[in-house]
Amino acid sequence: MTMNKKSNLENKKYWQNTWTKKLFIRHPFPDNYVDNKTFLSLKRVNVNARLYSYKEAVLYSGLIVQQLSAVIIFVLVYVYLRNNLIKIDKLAYYVIIPTFFIGYLSKLIALRQSLTNKLKQEEI
């Protein structure tokens, strides 16, 4: 019994004088209490933040606009075909063929850009 009383006194003394961030230990403080020494010491700000250059921001926003434009064009073509406002042969001439060439040209430009970047990296 004396050992049990001694451990109870030590526990009582411990939890009355010190605060630790352990919820399984009884404290005279509320559960959301934080002492002044550790307040904001564990705060992490923008841990996974990445800074983008202006060029990257413009390129990435262009990709988003491209996706939105493709969806809008698809919906408009569907509505025009459904309401017989455009015929399928005119659709091929005015939409499909120009879209193919624009896509092909943009792919050529992207390949040229990647090749120039590789050549610049090899020179360094």
N, C-alpha and C. Protein backbone atom coordinates (compact mmCIF):
# COMPACT_ATOMS: atom_id res chain seq x y z
N MET A 1 0.80 -1.19 0.00
CA MET A 1 0.00 0.00 0.00
C MET A 1 0.85 1.26 0.00
N THR A 2 1.97 1.24 0.67
CA THR A 2 2.81 2.44 0.72
C THR A 2 3.35 2.78 -0.66
N MET A 3 3.63 1.77 -1.45
CA MET A 3 4.13 2.02 -2.79
C MET A 3 3.04 2.66 -3.65
N ASN A 4 1.82 2.19 -3.49
CA ASN A 4 0.70 2.73 -4.24
C ASN A 4 0.45 4.19 -3.86
N LYS A 5 0.51 4.51 -2.56
CA LYS A 5 0.33 5.89 -2.11
C LYS A 5 1.44 6.78 -2.64
N LYS A 6 2.66 6.24 -2.66
CA LYS A 6 3.79 7.03 -3.14
C LYS A 6 3.64 7.34 -4.63
N SER A 7 3.23 6.34 -5.39
CA SER A 7 3.05 6.58 -6.83
C SER A 7 1.90 7.55 -7.08
N ASN A 8 0.85 7.47 -6.28
CA ASN A 8 -0.26 8.42 -6.41
C ASN A 8 0.19 9.83 -6.11
N LEU A 9 1.00 9.99 -5.09
CA LEU A 9 1.52 11.33 -4.76
C LEU A 9 2.42 11.86 -5.87
N GLU A 10 3.25 11.00 -6.43
CA GLU A 10 4.12 11.43 -7.53
C GLU A 10 3.29 11.82 -8.76
N ASN A 11 2.29 11.02 -9.06
CA ASN A 11 1.42 11.33 -10.20
C ASN A 11 0.69 12.64 -9.98
N LYS A 12 0.19 12.83 -8.77
CA LYS A 12 -0.54 14.06 -8.47
C LYS A 12 0.39 15.26 -8.58
N LYS A 13 1.59 15.12 -8.07
CA LYS A 13 2.57 16.21 -8.14
C LYS A 13 2.94 16.48 -9.58
N TYR A 14 3.07 15.42 -10.36
CA TYR A 14 3.46 15.57 -11.77
C TYR A 14 2.41 16.32 -12.57
N TRP A 15 1.17 15.89 -12.46
CA TRP A 15 0.17 16.52 -13.30
C TRP A 15 -0.24 17.89 -12.82
N GLN A 16 0.08 18.25 -11.59
CA GLN A 16 -0.24 19.58 -11.11
C GLN A 16 0.80 20.60 -11.56
N ASN A 17 2.05 20.19 -11.73
CA ASN A 17 3.10 21.16 -12.00
C ASN A 17 3.47 21.29 -13.48
N THR A 18 3.34 20.22 -14.22
CA THR A 18 3.79 20.29 -15.62
C THR A 18 2.64 19.98 -16.56
N TRP A 19 2.77 20.50 -17.75
CA TRP A 19 1.80 20.23 -18.79
C TRP A 19 2.51 19.54 -19.94
N THR A 20 1.94 18.47 -20.46
CA THR A 20 2.46 17.82 -21.65
C THR A 20 1.31 17.65 -22.63
N LYS A 21 1.66 17.49 -23.88
CA LYS A 21 0.65 17.37 -24.92
C LYS A 21 0.25 15.90 -25.07
N LYS A 22 -0.31 15.35 -24.03
CA LYS A 22 -0.78 13.97 -24.02
C LYS A 22 -2.17 13.95 -23.41
N LEU A 23 -3.13 13.53 -24.21
CA LEU A 23 -4.51 13.56 -23.74
C LEU A 23 -4.84 12.40 -22.82
N PHE A 24 -4.03 11.37 -22.79
CA PHE A 24 -4.34 10.22 -21.94
C PHE A 24 -3.89 10.43 -20.50
N ILE A 25 -3.16 11.52 -20.22
CA ILE A 25 -2.76 11.86 -18.85
C ILE A 25 -3.72 12.91 -18.34
N ARG A 26 -4.16 12.73 -17.10
CA ARG A 26 -5.08 13.72 -16.52
C ARG A 26 -4.33 15.00 -16.19
N HIS A 27 -4.91 16.10 -16.63
CA HIS A 27 -4.36 17.42 -16.35
C HIS A 27 -5.44 18.29 -15.74
N PRO A 28 -5.04 19.31 -15.00
CA PRO A 28 -6.05 20.25 -14.51
C PRO A 28 -6.44 21.26 -15.59
N PHE A 29 -5.91 21.07 -16.80
CA PHE A 29 -6.16 21.99 -17.91
C PHE A 29 -7.20 21.38 -18.85
N PRO A 30 -7.89 22.20 -19.63
CA PRO A 30 -8.82 21.63 -20.62
C PRO A 30 -8.03 20.92 -21.74
N ASP A 31 -8.72 20.10 -22.51
CA ASP A 31 -8.07 19.31 -23.55
C ASP A 31 -7.42 20.16 -24.64
N ASN A 32 -7.96 21.32 -24.91
CA ASN A 32 -7.41 22.16 -25.96
C ASN A 32 -6.39 23.19 -25.44
N TYR A 33 -5.92 23.03 -24.23
CA TYR A 33 -4.96 23.95 -23.64
C TYR A 33 -3.58 23.74 -24.26
N VAL A 34 -2.88 24.85 -24.51
CA VAL A 34 -1.49 24.81 -24.98
C VAL A 34 -0.74 25.86 -24.18
N ASP A 35 0.41 25.48 -23.65
CA ASP A 35 1.17 26.45 -22.86
C ASP A 35 1.88 27.44 -23.78
N ASN A 36 2.40 28.50 -23.18
CA ASN A 36 3.02 29.58 -23.96
C ASN A 36 4.31 29.16 -24.65
N LYS A 37 5.01 28.18 -24.09
CA LYS A 37 6.28 27.76 -24.68
C LYS A 37 6.08 27.02 -25.99
N THR A 38 5.03 26.20 -26.09
CA THR A 38 4.84 25.40 -27.29
C THR A 38 3.81 25.98 -28.24
N PHE A 39 3.20 27.07 -27.89
CA PHE A 39 2.20 27.67 -28.76
C PHE A 39 2.84 28.13 -30.06
N LEU A 40 2.32 27.70 -31.17
CA LEU A 40 2.78 28.00 -32.53
C LEU A 40 4.17 27.42 -32.86
N SER A 41 4.77 26.65 -31.96
CA SER A 41 6.08 26.08 -32.29
C SER A 41 5.96 24.92 -33.26
N LEU A 42 4.82 24.26 -33.28
CA LEU A 42 4.61 23.13 -34.18
C LEU A 42 3.83 23.51 -35.44
N LYS A 43 3.54 24.78 -35.60
CA LYS A 43 2.77 25.22 -36.75
C LYS A 43 3.63 25.14 -38.01
N ARG A 44 3.05 24.56 -39.05
CA ARG A 44 3.74 24.46 -40.33
C ARG A 44 2.94 25.25 -41.36
N VAL A 45 3.61 26.16 -42.04
CA VAL A 45 2.94 27.02 -42.99
C VAL A 45 3.44 26.70 -44.40
N ASN A 46 2.52 26.49 -45.31
CA ASN A 46 2.83 26.25 -46.73
C ASN A 46 3.87 25.15 -46.91
N VAL A 47 3.62 24.01 -46.32
CA VAL A 47 4.57 22.90 -46.38
C VAL A 47 4.72 22.39 -47.80
N ASN A 48 3.63 22.22 -48.51
CA ASN A 48 3.67 21.68 -49.86
C ASN A 48 3.42 22.74 -50.93
N ALA A 49 3.63 23.99 -50.61
CA ALA A 49 3.40 25.07 -51.56
C ALA A 49 4.51 25.08 -52.61
N ARG A 50 4.12 25.39 -53.83
CA ARG A 50 5.09 25.48 -54.91
C ARG A 50 4.90 26.82 -55.59
N LEU A 51 5.98 27.52 -55.81
CA LEU A 51 5.92 28.80 -56.50
C LEU A 51 6.04 28.56 -58.00
N TYR A 52 5.17 29.18 -58.76
CA TYR A 52 5.19 29.05 -60.21
C TYR A 52 5.72 30.34 -60.82
N SER A 53 6.47 30.18 -61.89
CA SER A 53 6.91 31.37 -62.62
C SER A 53 5.74 31.87 -63.47
N TYR A 54 5.90 33.04 -64.01
CA TYR A 54 4.83 33.61 -64.84
C TYR A 54 4.58 32.74 -66.06
N LYS A 55 5.65 32.25 -66.65
CA LYS A 55 5.53 31.42 -67.85
C LYS A 55 4.77 30.13 -67.54
N GLU A 56 5.08 29.48 -66.42
CA GLU A 56 4.38 28.25 -66.04
C GLU A 56 2.91 28.52 -65.76
N ALA A 57 2.61 29.63 -65.10
CA ALA A 57 1.23 29.96 -64.79
C ALA A 57 0.42 30.18 -66.07
N VAL A 58 1.01 30.87 -67.04
CA VAL A 58 0.32 31.11 -68.30
C VAL A 58 0.11 29.80 -69.05
N LEU A 59 1.14 28.94 -69.07
CA LEU A 59 1.02 27.66 -69.78
C LEU A 59 -0.05 26.77 -69.14
N TYR A 60 -0.05 26.67 -67.83
CA TYR A 60 -1.02 25.83 -67.14
C TYR A 60 -2.44 26.37 -67.27
N SER A 61 -2.59 27.68 -67.22
CA SER A 61 -3.93 28.25 -67.41
C SER A 61 -4.38 28.04 -68.85
N GLY A 62 -3.45 28.04 -69.79
CA GLY A 62 -3.80 27.74 -71.18
C GLY A 62 -4.31 26.33 -71.35
N LEU A 63 -3.75 25.39 -70.61
CA LEU A 63 -4.23 24.01 -70.68
C LEU A 63 -5.66 23.90 -70.15
N ILE A 64 -5.95 24.63 -69.09
CA ILE A 64 -7.31 24.60 -68.53
C ILE A 64 -8.30 25.22 -69.51
N VAL A 65 -7.92 26.34 -70.10
CA VAL A 65 -8.79 27.01 -71.08
C VAL A 65 -9.00 26.11 -72.30
N GLN A 66 -7.97 25.39 -72.70
CA GLN A 66 -8.10 24.47 -73.83
C GLN A 66 -9.11 23.37 -73.53
N GLN A 67 -9.07 22.81 -72.34
CA GLN A 67 -10.03 21.78 -71.97
C GLN A 67 -11.46 22.33 -71.94
N LEU A 68 -11.63 23.50 -71.35
CA LEU A 68 -12.97 24.11 -71.30
C LEU A 68 -13.49 24.43 -72.69
N SER A 69 -12.62 24.91 -73.55
CA SER A 69 -13.03 25.23 -74.92
C SER A 69 -13.45 23.98 -75.67
N ALA A 70 -12.74 22.88 -75.48
CA ALA A 70 -13.10 21.63 -76.15
C ALA A 70 -14.48 21.16 -75.72
N VAL A 71 -14.78 21.28 -74.44
CA VAL A 71 -16.11 20.86 -73.95
C VAL A 71 -17.19 21.77 -74.51
N ILE A 72 -16.95 23.07 -74.52
CA ILE A 72 -17.94 24.02 -75.03
C ILE A 72 -18.18 23.81 -76.52
N ILE A 73 -17.10 23.59 -77.28
CA ILE A 73 -17.26 23.34 -78.72
C ILE A 73 -18.05 22.06 -78.95
N PHE A 74 -17.76 21.01 -78.19
CA PHE A 74 -18.49 19.76 -78.33
C PHE A 74 -19.98 19.96 -78.08
N VAL A 75 -20.31 20.69 -77.03
CA VAL A 75 -21.72 20.93 -76.70
C VAL A 75 -22.39 21.77 -77.79
N LEU A 76 -21.71 22.80 -78.28
CA LEU A 76 -22.29 23.64 -79.32
C LEU A 76 -22.51 22.86 -80.61
N VAL A 77 -21.56 22.02 -80.99
CA VAL A 77 -21.71 21.21 -82.19
C VAL A 77 -22.89 20.26 -82.03
N TYR A 78 -23.03 19.67 -80.88
CA TYR A 78 -24.17 18.77 -80.62
C TYR A 78 -25.49 19.52 -80.75
N VAL A 79 -25.58 20.70 -80.14
CA VAL A 79 -26.82 21.47 -80.19
C VAL A 79 -27.13 21.89 -81.63
N TYR A 80 -26.12 22.32 -82.37
CA TYR A 80 -26.34 22.75 -83.75
C TYR A 80 -26.79 21.57 -84.61
N LEU A 81 -26.18 20.39 -84.43
CA LEU A 81 -26.59 19.22 -85.20
C LEU A 81 -27.99 18.76 -84.80
N ARG A 82 -28.30 18.81 -83.55
CA ARG A 82 -29.61 18.36 -83.05
C ARG A 82 -30.74 19.25 -83.58
N ASN A 83 -30.47 20.55 -83.69
CA ASN A 83 -31.49 21.49 -84.15
C ASN A 83 -31.43 21.73 -85.66
N ASN A 84 -30.61 20.96 -86.35
CA ASN A 84 -30.44 21.08 -87.82
C ASN A 84 -30.01 22.47 -88.24
N LEU A 85 -29.20 23.12 -87.44
CA LEU A 85 -28.68 24.44 -87.80
C LEU A 85 -27.42 24.32 -88.65
N ILE A 86 -26.79 23.17 -88.62
CA ILE A 86 -25.60 22.94 -89.43
C ILE A 86 -25.67 21.51 -89.96
N LYS A 87 -25.21 21.33 -91.17
CA LYS A 87 -25.21 19.99 -91.76
C LYS A 87 -23.86 19.34 -91.50
N ILE A 88 -23.85 18.03 -91.58
CA ILE A 88 -22.65 17.27 -91.24
C ILE A 88 -21.50 17.56 -92.21
N ASP A 89 -21.78 17.82 -93.48
CA ASP A 89 -20.70 18.10 -94.43
C ASP A 89 -20.05 19.45 -94.15
N LYS A 90 -20.88 20.43 -93.77
CA LYS A 90 -20.31 21.74 -93.40
C LYS A 90 -19.53 21.65 -92.09
N LEU A 91 -19.99 20.78 -91.20
CA LEU A 91 -19.27 20.56 -89.95
C LEU A 91 -17.86 20.05 -90.23
N ALA A 92 -17.74 19.15 -91.18
CA ALA A 92 -16.43 18.61 -91.52
C ALA A 92 -15.52 19.70 -92.08
N TYR A 93 -16.08 20.56 -92.94
CA TYR A 93 -15.25 21.61 -93.54
C TYR A 93 -14.88 22.72 -92.57
N TYR A 94 -15.80 23.12 -91.73
CA TYR A 94 -15.60 24.29 -90.89
C TYR A 94 -15.07 23.99 -89.48
N VAL A 95 -15.22 22.75 -89.02
CA VAL A 95 -14.82 22.45 -87.64
C VAL A 95 -13.76 21.36 -87.57
N ILE A 96 -14.02 20.21 -88.18
CA ILE A 96 -13.13 19.07 -87.99
C ILE A 96 -11.78 19.28 -88.67
N ILE A 97 -11.78 19.69 -89.92
CA ILE A 97 -10.51 19.86 -90.64
C ILE A 97 -9.67 20.99 -90.05
N PRO A 98 -10.23 22.19 -89.77
CA PRO A 98 -9.40 23.21 -89.12
C PRO A 98 -8.89 22.80 -87.74
N THR A 99 -9.71 22.08 -86.98
CA THR A 99 -9.27 21.61 -85.66
C THR A 99 -8.10 20.65 -85.79
N PHE A 100 -8.15 19.78 -86.79
CA PHE A 100 -7.05 18.86 -87.03
C PHE A 100 -5.76 19.61 -87.33
N PHE A 101 -5.82 20.60 -88.21
CA PHE A 101 -4.61 21.33 -88.56
C PHE A 101 -4.08 22.18 -87.40
N ILE A 102 -4.97 22.77 -86.65
CA ILE A 102 -4.53 23.55 -85.48
C ILE A 102 -3.87 22.64 -84.45
N GLY A 103 -4.44 21.47 -84.22
CA GLY A 103 -3.83 20.51 -83.30
C GLY A 103 -2.48 20.03 -83.78
N TYR A 104 -2.37 19.78 -85.08
CA TYR A 104 -1.10 19.34 -85.65
C TYR A 104 -0.03 20.42 -85.52
N LEU A 105 -0.40 21.66 -85.81
CA LEU A 105 0.56 22.77 -85.68
C LEU A 105 0.99 22.97 -84.24
N SER A 106 0.05 22.87 -83.31
CA SER A 106 0.42 23.05 -81.90
C SER A 106 1.35 21.93 -81.44
N LYS A 107 1.16 20.71 -81.95
CA LYS A 107 2.06 19.61 -81.62
C LYS A 107 3.45 19.86 -82.18
N LEU A 108 3.53 20.37 -83.40
CA LEU A 108 4.84 20.71 -83.98
C LEU A 108 5.55 21.79 -83.17
N ILE A 109 4.81 22.78 -82.75
CA ILE A 109 5.41 23.85 -81.95
C ILE A 109 5.91 23.30 -80.62
N ALA A 110 5.13 22.42 -79.99
CA ALA A 110 5.55 21.83 -78.71
C ALA A 110 6.79 20.96 -78.89
N LEU A 111 6.86 20.18 -79.97
CA LEU A 111 8.05 19.36 -80.23
C LEU A 111 9.28 20.24 -80.47
N ARG A 112 9.09 21.30 -81.22
CA ARG A 112 10.21 22.21 -81.48
C ARG A 112 10.71 22.83 -80.18
N GLN A 113 9.79 23.23 -79.32
CA GLN A 113 10.16 23.82 -78.04
C GLN A 113 10.91 22.83 -77.17
N SER A 114 10.44 21.57 -77.12
CA SER A 114 11.12 20.57 -76.30
C SER A 114 12.50 20.24 -76.84
N LEU A 115 12.65 20.22 -78.17
CA LEU A 115 13.97 19.97 -78.76
C LEU A 115 14.95 21.11 -78.46
N THR A 116 14.47 22.35 -78.53
CA THR A 116 15.36 23.47 -78.21
C THR A 116 15.75 23.45 -76.74
N ASN A 117 14.84 23.06 -75.87
CA ASN A 117 15.17 22.96 -74.44
C ASN A 117 16.20 21.88 -74.20
N LYS A 118 16.09 20.73 -74.90
CA LYS A 118 17.07 19.66 -74.74
C LYS A 118 18.44 20.10 -75.25
N LEU A 119 18.46 20.81 -76.37
CA LEU A 119 19.74 21.28 -76.89
C LEU A 119 20.40 22.28 -75.95
N LYS A 120 19.60 23.14 -75.34
CA LYS A 120 20.14 24.11 -74.38
C LYS A 120 20.70 23.40 -73.16
N GLN A 121 20.04 22.35 -72.71
CA GLN A 121 20.52 21.60 -71.53
C GLN A 121 21.80 20.84 -71.87
N GLU A 122 21.94 20.33 -73.09
CA GLU A 122 23.14 19.61 -73.47
C GLU A 122 24.34 20.56 -73.59
N GLU A 123 24.10 21.80 -74.00
CA GLU A 123 25.18 22.78 -74.08
C GLU A 123 25.72 23.15 -72.72
N ILE A 124 24.86 23.14 -71.71
CA ILE A 124 25.28 23.51 -70.37
C ILE A 124 26.01 22.38 -69.77
